[in-house]
Protein backbone atom coordinates (compact mmCIF):
# COMPACT_ATOMS: atom_id res chain seq x y z
CA UNK A 1 0.01 0.19 -0.02
CA UNK A 2 2.65 2.19 1.01
CA UNK A 3 4.70 1.80 -2.21
CA UNK A 4 1.64 2.40 -4.36
CA UNK A 5 0.92 5.72 -2.74
CA UNK A 6 4.63 6.84 -3.04
CA UNK A 7 5.13 5.68 -6.62
CA UNK A 8 1.28 8.05 -7.06
CA UNK A 9 3.00 10.61 -5.62
CA UNK A 10 6.10 10.51 -7.65
CA UNK A 11 4.10 10.24 -11.23
CA UNK A 12 1.72 13.19 -9.81
CA UNK A 13 5.20 15.26 -8.99
CA UNK A 14 6.52 14.09 -12.80
CA UNK A 15 2.97 15.18 -14.37
CA UNK A 16 3.29 18.06 -12.18
CA UNK A 17 6.55 19.36 -13.58
CA UNK A 18 5.44 18.64 -17.12
CA UNK A 19 2.14 20.94 -16.98
CA UNK A 20 4.24 23.66 -15.36
CA UNK A 21 6.70 23.70 -18.03
CA UNK A 22 3.82 23.35 -20.70
CA UNK A 23 2.57 26.66 -18.55
CA UNK A 24 4.95 28.73 -20.81
CA UNK A 25 3.25 28.07 -23.81
CA UNK A 26 0.05 30.23 -22.44
CA UNK A 27 1.76 33.72 -22.60
CA UNK A 28 3.33 32.85 -26.08
CA UNK A 29 0.41 31.21 -27.72
CA UNK A 30 -2.86 33.58 -26.20
CA UNK A 31 -2.19 37.03 -27.85
CA UNK A 32 -5.40 38.94 -27.25
CA UNK A 33 -6.11 40.16 -23.23
CA UNK A 34 -9.62 38.60 -22.74
CA UNK A 35 -8.04 35.13 -23.83
CA UNK A 36 -5.56 35.50 -22.04
CA UNK A 37 -7.38 35.98 -18.77
CA UNK A 38 -9.42 33.35 -19.58
CA UNK A 39 -6.27 30.89 -19.95
CA UNK A 40 -4.75 32.26 -17.15
CA UNK A 41 -7.57 31.17 -15.09
CA UNK A 42 -7.53 27.75 -16.50
CA UNK A 43 -3.78 27.11 -15.98
CA UNK A 44 -4.57 28.30 -12.20
CA UNK A 45 -7.25 25.62 -11.88
CA UNK A 46 -5.63 22.78 -13.29
CA UNK A 47 -2.23 24.08 -11.14
CA UNK A 48 -4.09 23.69 -8.09
CA UNK A 49 -6.14 20.57 -8.94
CA UNK A 50 -2.64 19.00 -9.64
CA UNK A 51 -0.97 20.29 -6.60
CA UNK A 52 -3.43 19.65 -4.21
CA UNK A 53 -3.47 16.03 -6.01
CA UNK A 54 0.18 15.94 -4.88
CA UNK A 55 -0.27 17.13 -1.21
CA UNK A 56 -3.39 14.84 -0.80
CA UNK A 57 -1.24 11.59 -1.89
CA UNK A 58 1.49 12.63 0.32
CA UNK A 59 -0.92 13.02 3.40
CA UNK A 60 -2.54 9.54 2.41
CA UNK A 61 1.24 7.98 2.22
CA UNK A 62 2.03 9.57 5.58
CA UNK A 63 -0.66 8.58 7.56
CA UNK A 64 -1.39 5.10 5.85
CA UNK A 65 2.18 3.82 5.74
CA UNK A 66 2.48 5.43 9.59
CA UNK A 67 5.75 7.56 8.37
CA UNK A 68 7.61 9.84 11.18
CA UNK A 69 6.71 13.73 10.72
CA UNK A 70 10.38 14.75 9.52
CA UNK A 71 11.85 17.70 8.61
CA UNK A 72 11.39 16.48 4.85
CA UNK A 73 7.63 16.45 5.12
CA UNK A 74 7.89 19.67 6.75
CA UNK A 75 9.90 21.25 3.91
CA UNK A 76 7.04 19.80 1.24
CA UNK A 77 4.56 21.47 3.30
CA UNK A 78 6.60 24.95 2.57
CA UNK A 79 7.24 24.25 -0.72
CA UNK A 80 3.80 23.58 -1.25
CA UNK A 81 2.54 26.72 0.45
CA UNK A 82 4.82 28.86 -1.57
CA UNK A 83 4.10 27.58 -4.86
CA UNK A 84 0.59 27.72 -4.22
CA UNK A 85 0.97 31.53 -2.70
CA UNK A 86 3.11 32.18 -6.00
CA UNK A 87 0.47 30.87 -8.11
CA UNK A 88 -2.71 32.61 -6.31
CA UNK A 89 -0.78 36.04 -6.07
CA UNK A 90 0.01 36.06 -9.90
CA UNK A 91 -3.32 34.58 -10.95
CA UNK A 92 -4.79 37.86 -8.84
CA UNK A 93 -2.79 40.41 -10.51
CA UNK A 94 -4.10 39.16 -13.81
CA UNK A 95 -7.48 39.09 -12.45
CA UNK A 96 -7.29 42.81 -11.00
CA UNK A 97 -4.96 44.00 -14.19
CA UNK A 98 -5.97 46.35 -16.82
CA UNK A 99 -5.38 43.57 -19.61
CA UNK A 100 -6.71 46.50 -21.93
CA UNK A 101 -3.61 48.69 -21.85
CA UNK A 102 -0.84 47.23 -23.78
CA UNK A 103 2.12 48.10 -21.40
CA UNK A 104 -0.14 46.26 -18.10
CA UNK A 105 -0.98 43.30 -20.86
CA UNK A 106 2.79 43.03 -21.56
CA UNK A 107 3.54 43.23 -17.92
CA UNK A 108 1.31 40.52 -16.98
CA UNK A 109 2.45 37.84 -19.57
CA UNK A 110 6.07 38.98 -18.02
CA UNK A 111 4.88 38.25 -14.60
CA UNK A 112 3.20 35.31 -15.69
CA UNK A 113 6.35 33.36 -17.14
CA UNK A 114 8.34 34.99 -14.11
CA UNK A 115 6.05 33.39 -11.46
CA UNK A 116 6.34 30.09 -13.62
CA UNK A 117 9.99 30.00 -13.76
CA UNK A 118 10.14 29.96 -9.92
CA UNK A 119 7.46 27.49 -9.46
CA UNK A 120 9.46 25.64 -11.75
CA UNK A 121 12.98 26.34 -10.11
CA UNK A 122 11.23 25.16 -6.62
CA UNK A 123 9.46 22.17 -8.29
CA UNK A 124 11.95 20.72 -10.01
CA UNK A 125 15.11 21.60 -7.23
CA UNK A 126 13.16 20.14 -4.52
CA UNK A 127 12.57 16.73 -6.41
CA UNK A 128 16.02 16.53 -7.51
CA UNK A 129 16.88 16.95 -3.61
CA UNK A 130 14.36 14.30 -2.90
CA UNK A 131 15.86 11.71 -5.17
CA UNK A 132 19.24 12.50 -3.70
CA UNK A 133 18.08 11.91 -0.49
CA UNK A 134 16.25 8.98 -1.51
CA UNK A 135 19.34 7.42 -3.19
CA UNK A 136 21.13 7.85 0.44
CA UNK A 137 23.74 10.07 -1.14
């Protein structure tokens, strides 16, 4: 049971990395302001759904596997909160921003890319850390 939950957690994490990488296409492909707001909203909802599935599978593995509550698990919670905070603040800026103004629209698109880069760095960095830790290096 524990192995299944941990493999599900790992697969969801890799799926999430692929999704975040595909997020770079949103500001590139969507050129009109209203379409950008809609695409950003859809991206944010899927982002939150996948990251919540990762957190849930991790909690289930923690509880069902009777695993100890270690510093690594606390770090996972902090990473979850940081990534969710970045995504929510990005979405609020886009939602409240005046996308009809060309300069603001360009700034929001650049902000979308920067937030995606930051989330990707956090995600890949922590994934590599966990892989190194699991190998015992």
